[in-house]
């Protein structure tokens, strides 16, 4: 392969990576019965994505589906460890001394957000009779 051909391939690969980043960029929300449970803001940055999230408190039913907002999303926290791989964005946020981790997959103007839960926390939920939350659907409200 010639040097110009290699350069063209590298430009194409870089453009495809940006395209993936752009599909995640925007403001994403989860509103249940008129109350905002989650607001996620993602922007494209030179080295990928950057963002912040605001999460409220939720109740999950026996099947692990979020069915009620206990406290609306108000406090905003920055995201870190943003990694985009194979169409999946993983990221984290600090919540006091804890670190919450998430995975997100976008399909058009909706996205599935999964809460990544450690085995220790999974056991705490089980001991408390609380099912593990299933992924929730966010809607893009702003590009």
C-alpha atoms as a PDB file:
ATOM      1  CA  UNK A   1       0.000   0.000   0.000  1.00  0.00           C
ATOM      2  CA  UNK A   2       1.357   3.436  -0.891  1.00  0.00           C
ATOM      3  CA  UNK A   3       1.821   6.257   1.624  1.00  0.00           C
ATOM      4  CA  UNK A   4      -1.133   8.273   0.203  1.00  0.00           C
ATOM      5  CA  UNK A   5      -3.316   5.136   0.386  1.00  0.00           C
ATOM      6  CA  UNK A   6      -2.308   4.535   4.010  1.00  0.00           C
ATOM      7  CA  UNK A   7      -3.074   8.178   4.822  1.00  0.00           C
ATOM      8  CA  UNK A   8      -6.514   7.814   3.189  1.00  0.00           C
ATOM      9  CA  UNK A   9      -7.245   4.709   5.259  1.00  0.00           C
ATOM     10  CA  UNK A  10      -6.191   6.491   8.465  1.00  0.00           C
ATOM     11  CA  UNK A  11      -8.431   9.467   7.635  1.00  0.00           C
ATOM     12  CA  UNK A  12     -11.352   7.092   6.986  1.00  0.00           C
ATOM     13  CA  UNK A  13     -10.773   5.242  10.274  1.00  0.00           C
ATOM     14  CA  UNK A  14     -10.591   8.560  12.173  1.00  0.00           C
ATOM     15  CA  UNK A  15     -13.802   9.761  10.513  1.00  0.00           C
ATOM     16  CA  UNK A  16     -15.598   6.542  11.434  1.00  0.00           C
ATOM     17  CA  UNK A  17     -14.511   6.963  15.069  1.00  0.00           C
ATOM     18  CA  UNK A  18     -15.829  10.525  15.106  1.00  0.00           C
ATOM     19  CA  UNK A  19     -19.084   9.342  13.563  1.00  0.00           C
ATOM     20  CA  UNK A  20     -19.547   6.919  16.461  1.00  0.00           C
ATOM     21  CA  UNK A  21     -18.782   9.697  18.967  1.00  0.00           C
ATOM     22  CA  UNK A  22     -21.257  12.020  17.276  1.00  0.00           C
ATOM     23  CA  UNK A  23     -24.021   9.428  17.516  1.00  0.00           C
ATOM     24  CA  UNK A  24     -23.673   9.625  21.316  1.00  0.00           C
ATOM     25  CA  UNK A  25     -23.387  13.422  21.538  1.00  0.00           C
ATOM     26  CA  UNK A  26     -26.378  15.329  22.830  1.00  0.00           C
ATOM     27  CA  UNK A  27     -28.652  15.607  25.828  1.00  0.00           C
ATOM     28  CA  UNK A  28     -30.380  12.389  26.871  1.00  0.00           C
ATOM     29  CA  UNK A  29     -33.191  12.196  29.421  1.00  0.00           C
ATOM     30  CA  UNK A  30     -35.335   9.674  31.214  1.00  0.00           C
ATOM     31  CA  UNK A  31     -38.654  11.080  32.371  1.00  0.00           C
ATOM     32  CA  UNK A  32     -41.121   8.949  34.316  1.00  0.00           C
ATOM     33  CA  UNK A  33     -44.593  10.327  35.032  1.00  0.00           C
ATOM     34  CA  UNK A  34     -43.387  13.874  34.365  1.00  0.00           C
ATOM     35  CA  UNK A  35     -40.341  13.634  36.655  1.00  0.00           C
ATOM     36  CA  UNK A  36     -36.757  13.597  35.383  1.00  0.00           C
ATOM     37  CA  UNK A  37     -34.859  10.608  36.718  1.00  0.00           C
ATOM     38  CA  UNK A  38     -31.774  11.068  34.546  1.00  0.00           C
ATOM     39  CA  UNK A  39     -30.204  13.761  32.384  1.00  0.00           C
ATOM     40  CA  UNK A  40     -27.019  12.864  30.523  1.00  0.00           C
ATOM     41  CA  UNK A  41     -25.108  15.463  28.505  1.00  0.00           C
ATOM     42  CA  UNK A  42     -22.414  14.209  26.120  1.00  0.00           C
ATOM     43  CA  UNK A  43     -20.230  16.369  23.892  1.00  0.00           C
ATOM     44  CA  UNK A  44     -17.588  15.464  21.374  1.00  0.00           C
ATOM     45  CA  UNK A  45     -14.085  16.350  22.483  1.00  0.00           C
ATOM     46  CA  UNK A  46     -10.764  16.195  20.681  1.00  0.00           C
ATOM     47  CA  UNK A  47      -9.956  12.822  22.229  1.00  0.00           C
ATOM     48  CA  UNK A  48     -13.468  11.313  22.199  1.00  0.00           C
ATOM     49  CA  UNK A  49     -16.419  12.235  24.386  1.00  0.00           C
ATOM     50  CA  UNK A  50     -16.879  14.283  27.543  1.00  0.00           C
ATOM     51  CA  UNK A  51     -19.947  14.808  29.665  1.00  0.00           C
ATOM     52  CA  UNK A  52     -21.882  15.039  32.852  1.00  0.00           C
ATOM     53  CA  UNK A  53     -24.864  13.286  34.387  1.00  0.00           C
ATOM     54  CA  UNK A  54     -27.587  14.050  36.861  1.00  0.00           C
ATOM     55  CA  UNK A  55     -29.371  11.096  38.455  1.00  0.00           C
ATOM     56  CA  UNK A  56     -32.260  11.018  40.848  1.00  0.00           C
ATOM     57  CA  UNK A  57     -33.390   8.190  43.100  1.00  0.00           C
ATOM     58  CA  UNK A  58     -35.595   5.455  41.711  1.00  0.00           C
ATOM     59  CA  UNK A  59     -37.804   2.576  42.711  1.00  0.00           C
ATOM     60  CA  UNK A  60     -37.698  -0.703  40.793  1.00  0.00           C
ATOM     61  CA  UNK A  61     -40.501  -3.242  40.671  1.00  0.00           C
ATOM     62  CA  UNK A  62     -40.119  -6.972  41.298  1.00  0.00           C
ATOM     63  CA  UNK A  63     -38.879  -7.461  37.708  1.00  0.00           C
ATOM     64  CA  UNK A  64     -36.127  -4.829  38.107  1.00  0.00           C
ATOM     65  CA  UNK A  65     -37.886  -2.249  35.930  1.00  0.00           C
ATOM     66  CA  UNK A  66     -37.748   1.371  37.052  1.00  0.00           C
ATOM     67  CA  UNK A  67     -41.324   2.317  37.856  1.00  0.00           C
ATOM     68  CA  UNK A  68     -41.102   5.444  40.008  1.00  0.00           C
ATOM     69  CA  UNK A  69     -38.934   8.507  40.575  1.00  0.00           C
ATOM     70  CA  UNK A  70     -38.346   8.909  44.306  1.00  0.00           C
ATOM     71  CA  UNK A  71     -36.163  12.018  43.951  1.00  0.00           C
ATOM     72  CA  UNK A  72     -35.721  14.027  40.748  1.00  0.00           C
ATOM     73  CA  UNK A  73     -32.330  14.456  39.097  1.00  0.00           C
ATOM     74  CA  UNK A  74     -30.800  17.684  40.388  1.00  0.00           C
ATOM     75  CA  UNK A  75     -27.070  17.320  41.193  1.00  0.00           C
ATOM     76  CA  UNK A  76     -24.756  17.195  38.191  1.00  0.00           C
ATOM     77  CA  UNK A  77     -21.535  15.180  38.313  1.00  0.00           C
ATOM     78  CA  UNK A  78     -18.809  14.956  35.675  1.00  0.00           C
ATOM     79  CA  UNK A  79     -18.160  11.725  33.811  1.00  0.00           C
ATOM     80  CA  UNK A  80     -14.798   9.995  33.568  1.00  0.00           C
ATOM     81  CA  UNK A  81     -13.372   6.802  32.048  1.00  0.00           C
ATOM     82  CA  UNK A  82     -15.416   7.359  28.878  1.00  0.00           C
ATOM     83  CA  UNK A  83     -14.583   4.545  26.462  1.00  0.00           C
ATOM     84  CA  UNK A  84     -16.296   3.962  23.129  1.00  0.00           C
ATOM     85  CA  UNK A  85     -15.817   0.429  21.823  1.00  0.00           C
ATOM     86  CA  UNK A  86     -17.859  -1.620  19.353  1.00  0.00           C
ATOM     87  CA  UNK A  87     -20.800   0.790  19.432  1.00  0.00           C
ATOM     88  CA  UNK A  88     -20.975   0.755  23.254  1.00  0.00           C
ATOM     89  CA  UNK A  89     -20.046   3.710  25.449  1.00  0.00           C
ATOM     90  CA  UNK A  90     -18.932   2.941  28.980  1.00  0.00           C
ATOM     91  CA  UNK A  91     -18.384   5.662  31.565  1.00  0.00           C
ATOM     92  CA  UNK A  92     -18.294   6.345  35.287  1.00  0.00           C
ATOM     93  CA  UNK A  93     -19.183   9.034  37.799  1.00  0.00           C
ATOM     94  CA  UNK A  94     -18.356   9.615  41.447  1.00  0.00           C
ATOM     95  CA  UNK A  95     -21.212   9.434  43.956  1.00  0.00           C
ATOM     96  CA  UNK A  96     -19.673  10.390  47.278  1.00  0.00           C
ATOM     97  CA  UNK A  97     -17.069   7.721  48.027  1.00  0.00           C
ATOM     98  CA  UNK A  98     -18.621   5.328  45.493  1.00  0.00           C
ATOM     99  CA  UNK A  99     -18.056   5.087  41.759  1.00  0.00           C
ATOM    100  CA  UNK A 100     -21.087   4.340  39.597  1.00  0.00           C
ATOM    101  CA  UNK A 101     -20.415   2.700  36.221  1.00  0.00           C
ATOM    102  CA  UNK A 102     -22.667   2.573  33.178  1.00  0.00           C
ATOM    103  CA  UNK A 103     -22.863   1.288  29.601  1.00  0.00           C
ATOM    104  CA  UNK A 104     -24.870   2.934  26.860  1.00  0.00           C
ATOM    105  CA  UNK A 105     -25.872   1.802  23.368  1.00  0.00           C
ATOM    106  CA  UNK A 106     -27.545   4.241  20.959  1.00  0.00           C
ATOM    107  CA  UNK A 107     -30.197   3.460  18.364  1.00  0.00           C
ATOM    108  CA  UNK A 108     -31.227   6.666  16.608  1.00  0.00           C
ATOM    109  CA  UNK A 109     -32.687   9.053  19.175  1.00  0.00           C
ATOM    110  CA  UNK A 110     -33.026   6.479  21.953  1.00  0.00           C
ATOM    111  CA  UNK A 111     -30.381   4.746  24.011  1.00  0.00           C
ATOM    112  CA  UNK A 112     -30.255   1.856  26.440  1.00  0.00           C
ATOM    113  CA  UNK A 113     -28.417   2.772  29.643  1.00  0.00           C
ATOM    114  CA  UNK A 114     -27.303  -0.136  31.807  1.00  0.00           C
ATOM    115  CA  UNK A 115     -26.206   0.186  35.415  1.00  0.00           C
ATOM    116  CA  UNK A 116     -23.043  -1.862  35.934  1.00  0.00           C
ATOM    117  CA  UNK A 117     -23.300  -3.346  39.401  1.00  0.00           C
ATOM    118  CA  UNK A 118     -20.534  -5.034  41.342  1.00  0.00           C
ATOM    119  CA  UNK A 119     -21.121  -8.471  42.829  1.00  0.00           C
ATOM    120  CA  UNK A 120     -20.860  -6.928  46.302  1.00  0.00           C
ATOM    121  CA  UNK A 121     -23.609  -4.380  45.549  1.00  0.00           C
ATOM    122  CA  UNK A 122     -25.682  -7.053  43.786  1.00  0.00           C
ATOM    123  CA  UNK A 123     -25.565  -9.085  47.011  1.00  0.00           C
ATOM    124  CA  UNK A 124     -26.535  -6.026  49.091  1.00  0.00           C
ATOM    125  CA  UNK A 125     -29.561  -5.496  46.848  1.00  0.00           C
ATOM    126  CA  UNK A 126     -30.501  -9.167  47.094  1.00  0.00           C
ATOM    127  CA  UNK A 127     -30.161  -9.131  50.899  1.00  0.00           C
ATOM    128  CA  UNK A 128     -32.480  -6.097  50.982  1.00  0.00           C
ATOM    129  CA  UNK A 129     -35.022  -7.760  48.698  1.00  0.00           C
ATOM    130  CA  UNK A 130     -34.358  -5.267  45.882  1.00  0.00           C
ATOM    131  CA  UNK A 131     -33.994  -6.599  42.336  1.00  0.00           C
ATOM    132  CA  UNK A 132     -31.097  -5.463  40.156  1.00  0.00           C
ATOM    133  CA  UNK A 133     -32.277  -2.574  37.947  1.00  0.00           C
ATOM    134  CA  UNK A 134     -32.712  -3.428  34.277  1.00  0.00           C
ATOM    135  CA  UNK A 135     -31.391  -1.056  31.601  1.00  0.00           C
ATOM    136  CA  UNK A 136     -33.486   2.051  31.046  1.00  0.00           C
ATOM    137  CA  UNK A 137     -34.327   3.860  27.820  1.00  0.00           C
ATOM    138  CA  UNK A 138     -33.101   7.419  27.427  1.00  0.00           C
ATOM    139  CA  UNK A 139     -34.427   9.776  24.766  1.00  0.00           C
ATOM    140  CA  UNK A 140     -32.271  12.347  23.005  1.00  0.00           C
ATOM    141  CA  UNK A 141     -33.815  15.735  23.694  1.00  0.00           C
ATOM    142  CA  UNK A 142     -31.071  17.828  22.110  1.00  0.00           C
ATOM    143  CA  UNK A 143     -28.393  17.056  19.532  1.00  0.00           C
END
